Amino acid sequence: MAFEKYVKSRRSLDSCASIWLRGQIGLGKGATEYYKLKDYKFVVLLYDKEAEQIGIRVTNDDNEEGARTITKGKTGVVISARSFLCFYHIDHRVTRTYALDYNDNENLYVIDLQKPRQNNKRHGDSSWTR
C-alpha cells in the first residue's frame, strides 16, 4: 500500500450549504464533489413550509418548470435564489451555513433551516468544520 501526502485545505470538505446575504445559495466544495453537482446544469427549488426545509433537485433539463441555472465556481456551485427566498419569507439578512443532506425518497438535497451551524468566523453567525 502506498502512502498519500496530506496537504491541508483551507476550505472544509464538509457537505454544507450557505444562504448568503445577497440572496444566493452556495453549495460548498465538499457537497459539490461528493454529490457530483458539477455534472448538472440546473436545479429546481422546493420549500416545505411546515418543516422549514429547502429542497434542491438537480437536473439537466432546462425545460423543467422552475429550472434555475447552476453557476459553477472554483470550489463549489451557486444558485441565484433571491426571489425564491423572498417569496417564502426565508431570512437572508445574514449569511448562514447549514448541513446539506440527501433525501432518497424525494430524490433531492435538503437544507433544514431550523438547524443553522454555529461559529461562522467570516460572518459571525453559523458555520463550522469537522
C-alpha atoms as a PDB file:
ATOM      1  CA  MET A   1       0.000   0.000   0.000  1.00  0.00           C
ATOM      2  CA  ALA A   2       1.346   3.449  -0.919  1.00  0.00           C
ATOM      3  CA  PHE A   3       1.245   6.488   1.346  1.00  0.00           C
ATOM      4  CA  GLU A   4      -0.569   9.625   0.264  1.00  0.00           C
ATOM      5  CA  LYS A   5       0.627  13.082   1.199  1.00  0.00           C
ATOM      6  CA  TYR A   6      -1.939  15.190   3.056  1.00  0.00           C
ATOM      7  CA  VAL A   7      -1.895  18.868   2.164  1.00  0.00           C
ATOM      8  CA  LYS A   8      -4.094  20.892   4.479  1.00  0.00           C
ATOM      9  CA  SER A   9      -7.022  22.513   2.735  1.00  0.00           C
ATOM     10  CA  ARG A  10      -8.174  25.973   3.732  1.00  0.00           C
ATOM     11  CA  ARG A  11     -11.757  25.021   2.991  1.00  0.00           C
ATOM     12  CA  SER A  12     -13.968  22.492   4.658  1.00  0.00           C
ATOM     13  CA  LEU A  13     -14.788  19.394   2.651  1.00  0.00           C
ATOM     14  CA  ASP A  14     -17.930  19.002   4.718  1.00  0.00           C
ATOM     15  CA  SER A  15     -21.226  18.778   2.844  1.00  0.00           C
ATOM     16  CA  CYS A  16     -22.739  22.183   3.529  1.00  0.00           C
ATOM     17  CA  ALA A  17     -24.909  24.881   2.013  1.00  0.00           C
ATOM     18  CA  SER A  18     -24.906  28.596   2.778  1.00  0.00           C
ATOM     19  CA  ILE A  19     -27.680  31.091   2.255  1.00  0.00           C
ATOM     20  CA  TRP A  20     -25.951  34.364   1.537  1.00  0.00           C
ATOM     21  CA  LEU A  21     -26.961  37.906   2.322  1.00  0.00           C
ATOM     22  CA  ARG A  22     -27.259  38.673  -1.392  1.00  0.00           C
ATOM     23  CA  GLY A  23     -29.933  36.015  -1.886  1.00  0.00           C
ATOM     24  CA  GLN A  24     -27.848  33.174  -3.264  1.00  0.00           C
ATOM     25  CA  ILE A  25     -27.474  29.589  -2.111  1.00  0.00           C
ATOM     26  CA  GLY A  26     -23.889  28.390  -2.177  1.00  0.00           C
ATOM     27  CA  LEU A  27     -23.058  24.703  -2.053  1.00  0.00           C
ATOM     28  CA  GLY A  28     -19.532  24.088  -0.789  1.00  0.00           C
ATOM     29  CA  LYS A  29     -16.718  22.064  -2.266  1.00  0.00           C
ATOM     30  CA  GLY A  30     -17.470  19.011  -0.130  1.00  0.00           C
ATOM     31  CA  ALA A  31     -21.092  18.841  -1.275  1.00  0.00           C
ATOM     32  CA  THR A  32     -20.187  19.671  -4.865  1.00  0.00           C
ATOM     33  CA  GLU A  33     -17.618  16.880  -5.087  1.00  0.00           C
ATOM     34  CA  TYR A  34     -19.447  14.269  -3.012  1.00  0.00           C
ATOM     35  CA  TYR A  35     -22.758  14.685  -4.869  1.00  0.00           C
ATOM     36  CA  LYS A  36     -21.096  15.413  -8.261  1.00  0.00           C
ATOM     37  CA  LEU A  37     -23.102  18.626  -8.598  1.00  0.00           C
ATOM     38  CA  LYS A  38     -20.941  19.976 -11.410  1.00  0.00           C
ATOM     39  CA  ASP A  39     -22.398  17.211 -13.601  1.00  0.00           C
ATOM     40  CA  TYR A  40     -25.686  19.153 -13.634  1.00  0.00           C
ATOM     41  CA  LYS A  41     -26.662  22.414 -15.290  1.00  0.00           C
ATOM     42  CA  PHE A  42     -29.868  23.313 -13.437  1.00  0.00           C
ATOM     43  CA  VAL A  43     -31.745  22.977 -10.161  1.00  0.00           C
ATOM     44  CA  VAL A  44     -35.378  23.231  -9.151  1.00  0.00           C
ATOM     45  CA  LEU A  45     -36.025  24.756  -5.729  1.00  0.00           C
ATOM     46  CA  LEU A  46     -38.798  23.498  -3.451  1.00  0.00           C
ATOM     47  CA  TYR A  47     -39.912  24.522   0.026  1.00  0.00           C
ATOM     48  CA  ASP A  48     -41.629  22.641   2.857  1.00  0.00           C
ATOM     49  CA  LYS A  49     -43.225  25.389   4.969  1.00  0.00           C
ATOM     50  CA  GLU A  50     -44.190  23.084   7.814  1.00  0.00           C
ATOM     51  CA  ALA A  51     -40.724  21.539   8.222  1.00  0.00           C
ATOM     52  CA  GLU A  52     -38.926  24.773   7.224  1.00  0.00           C
ATOM     53  CA  GLN A  53     -36.753  22.940   4.717  1.00  0.00           C
ATOM     54  CA  ILE A  54     -35.477  23.903   1.291  1.00  0.00           C
ATOM     55  CA  GLY A  55     -35.357  21.124  -1.299  1.00  0.00           C
ATOM     56  CA  ILE A  56     -32.921  21.247  -4.206  1.00  0.00           C
ATOM     57  CA  ARG A  57     -33.498  18.893  -7.130  1.00  0.00           C
ATOM     58  CA  VAL A  58     -30.725  18.743  -9.756  1.00  0.00           C
ATOM     59  CA  THR A  59     -31.466  18.314 -13.441  1.00  0.00           C
ATOM     60  CA  ASN A  60     -30.015  18.809 -16.902  1.00  0.00           C
ATOM     61  CA  ASP A  61     -33.457  19.582 -18.365  1.00  0.00           C
ATOM     62  CA  ASP A  62     -33.699  23.325 -18.999  1.00  0.00           C
ATOM     63  CA  ASN A  63     -37.381  22.874 -19.905  1.00  0.00           C
ATOM     64  CA  GLU A  64     -38.318  21.627 -16.439  1.00  0.00           C
ATOM     65  CA  GLU A  65     -40.663  24.097 -14.781  1.00  0.00           C
ATOM     66  CA  GLY A  66     -38.779  26.301 -12.320  1.00  0.00           C
ATOM     67  CA  ALA A  67     -35.323  25.274 -13.581  1.00  0.00           C
ATOM     68  CA  ARG A  68     -32.571  27.655 -12.424  1.00  0.00           C
ATOM     69  CA  THR A  69     -29.036  27.708 -13.745  1.00  0.00           C
ATOM     70  CA  ILE A  70     -26.221  26.446 -11.539  1.00  0.00           C
ATOM     71  CA  THR A  71     -23.189  28.733 -11.578  1.00  0.00           C
ATOM     72  CA  LYS A  72     -20.033  26.666 -11.223  1.00  0.00           C
ATOM     73  CA  GLY A  73     -17.124  28.174  -9.337  1.00  0.00           C
ATOM     74  CA  LYS A  74     -13.628  27.004  -8.436  1.00  0.00           C
ATOM     75  CA  THR A  75     -14.720  25.343  -5.206  1.00  0.00           C
ATOM     76  CA  GLY A  76     -18.477  24.910  -5.360  1.00  0.00           C
ATOM     77  CA  VAL A  77     -21.692  25.914  -7.062  1.00  0.00           C
ATOM     78  CA  VAL A  78     -24.027  28.882  -6.596  1.00  0.00           C
ATOM     79  CA  ILE A  79     -27.768  29.169  -7.167  1.00  0.00           C
ATOM     80  CA  SER A  80     -29.462  32.555  -7.588  1.00  0.00           C
ATOM     81  CA  ALA A  81     -32.399  32.330  -5.224  1.00  0.00           C
ATOM     82  CA  ARG A  82     -33.347  35.842  -4.083  1.00  0.00           C
ATOM     83  CA  SER A  83     -36.898  35.730  -5.492  1.00  0.00           C
ATOM     84  CA  PHE A  84     -37.409  32.226  -4.039  1.00  0.00           C
ATOM     85  CA  LEU A  85     -36.163  33.310  -0.605  1.00  0.00           C
ATOM     86  CA  CYS A  86     -38.324  36.442  -0.646  1.00  0.00           C
ATOM     87  CA  PHE A  87     -41.424  34.579  -1.856  1.00  0.00           C
ATOM     88  CA  TYR A  88     -41.227  32.147   1.077  1.00  0.00           C
ATOM     89  CA  HIS A  89     -40.036  34.816   3.569  1.00  0.00           C
ATOM     90  CA  ILE A  90     -36.803  32.939   4.231  1.00  0.00           C
ATOM     91  CA  ASP A  91     -34.476  35.215   6.182  1.00  0.00           C
ATOM     92  CA  HIS A  92     -31.267  36.012   4.326  1.00  0.00           C
ATOM     93  CA  ARG A  93     -30.295  39.244   6.094  1.00  0.00           C
ATOM     94  CA  VAL A  94     -27.274  37.399   7.496  1.00  0.00           C
ATOM     95  CA  THR A  95     -25.261  34.645   5.820  1.00  0.00           C
ATOM     96  CA  ARG A  96     -25.913  31.294   7.484  1.00  0.00           C
ATOM     97  CA  THR A  97     -24.498  27.840   6.839  1.00  0.00           C
ATOM     98  CA  TYR A  98     -26.390  24.551   7.109  1.00  0.00           C
ATOM     99  CA  ALA A  99     -25.729  20.860   6.630  1.00  0.00           C
ATOM    100  CA  LEU A 100     -26.757  19.603   3.192  1.00  0.00           C
ATOM    101  CA  ASP A 101     -28.444  16.211   3.335  1.00  0.00           C
ATOM    102  CA  TYR A 102     -29.812  13.948   0.622  1.00  0.00           C
ATOM    103  CA  ASN A 103     -33.372  12.587   0.794  1.00  0.00           C
ATOM    104  CA  ASP A 104     -33.517   9.325  -1.193  1.00  0.00           C
ATOM    105  CA  ASN A 105     -37.327   9.115  -1.084  1.00  0.00           C
ATOM    106  CA  GLU A 106     -37.816  12.578  -2.600  1.00  0.00           C
ATOM    107  CA  ASN A 107     -34.638  12.471  -4.747  1.00  0.00           C
ATOM    108  CA  LEU A 108     -33.486  15.894  -3.569  1.00  0.00           C
ATOM    109  CA  TYR A 109     -30.960  17.694  -1.395  1.00  0.00           C
ATOM    110  CA  VAL A 110     -32.323  19.250   1.784  1.00  0.00           C
ATOM    111  CA  ILE A 111     -31.375  22.328   3.808  1.00  0.00           C
ATOM    112  CA  ASP A 112     -33.024  22.321   7.258  1.00  0.00           C
ATOM    113  CA  LEU A 113     -33.487  25.992   8.151  1.00  0.00           C
ATOM    114  CA  GLN A 114     -34.170  25.104  11.791  1.00  0.00           C
ATOM    115  CA  LYS A 115     -30.585  23.844  12.201  1.00  0.00           C
ATOM    116  CA  PRO A 116     -28.031  26.510  11.247  1.00  0.00           C
ATOM    117  CA  ARG A 117     -24.442  25.744  12.152  1.00  0.00           C
ATOM    118  CA  GLN A 118     -22.627  27.685  14.851  1.00  0.00           C
ATOM    119  CA  ASN A 119     -19.465  29.824  14.958  1.00  0.00           C
ATOM    120  CA  ASN A 120     -19.171  31.173  11.429  1.00  0.00           C
ATOM    121  CA  LYS A 121     -15.890  33.100  11.612  1.00  0.00           C
ATOM    122  CA  ARG A 122     -16.340  35.056   8.368  1.00  0.00           C
ATOM    123  CA  HIS A 123     -19.874  36.204   9.015  1.00  0.00           C
ATOM    124  CA  GLY A 124     -20.097  35.897  12.791  1.00  0.00           C
ATOM    125  CA  ASP A 125     -23.015  33.536  12.932  1.00  0.00           C
ATOM    126  CA  SER A 126     -23.253  29.950  11.764  1.00  0.00           C
ATOM    127  CA  SER A 127     -20.711  27.559  10.279  1.00  0.00           C
ATOM    128  CA  TRP A 128     -18.192  25.016  11.468  1.00  0.00           C
ATOM    129  CA  THR A 129     -15.883  22.424  10.048  1.00  0.00           C
ATOM    130  CA  ARG A 130     -15.194  18.909  11.238  1.00  0.00           C
END
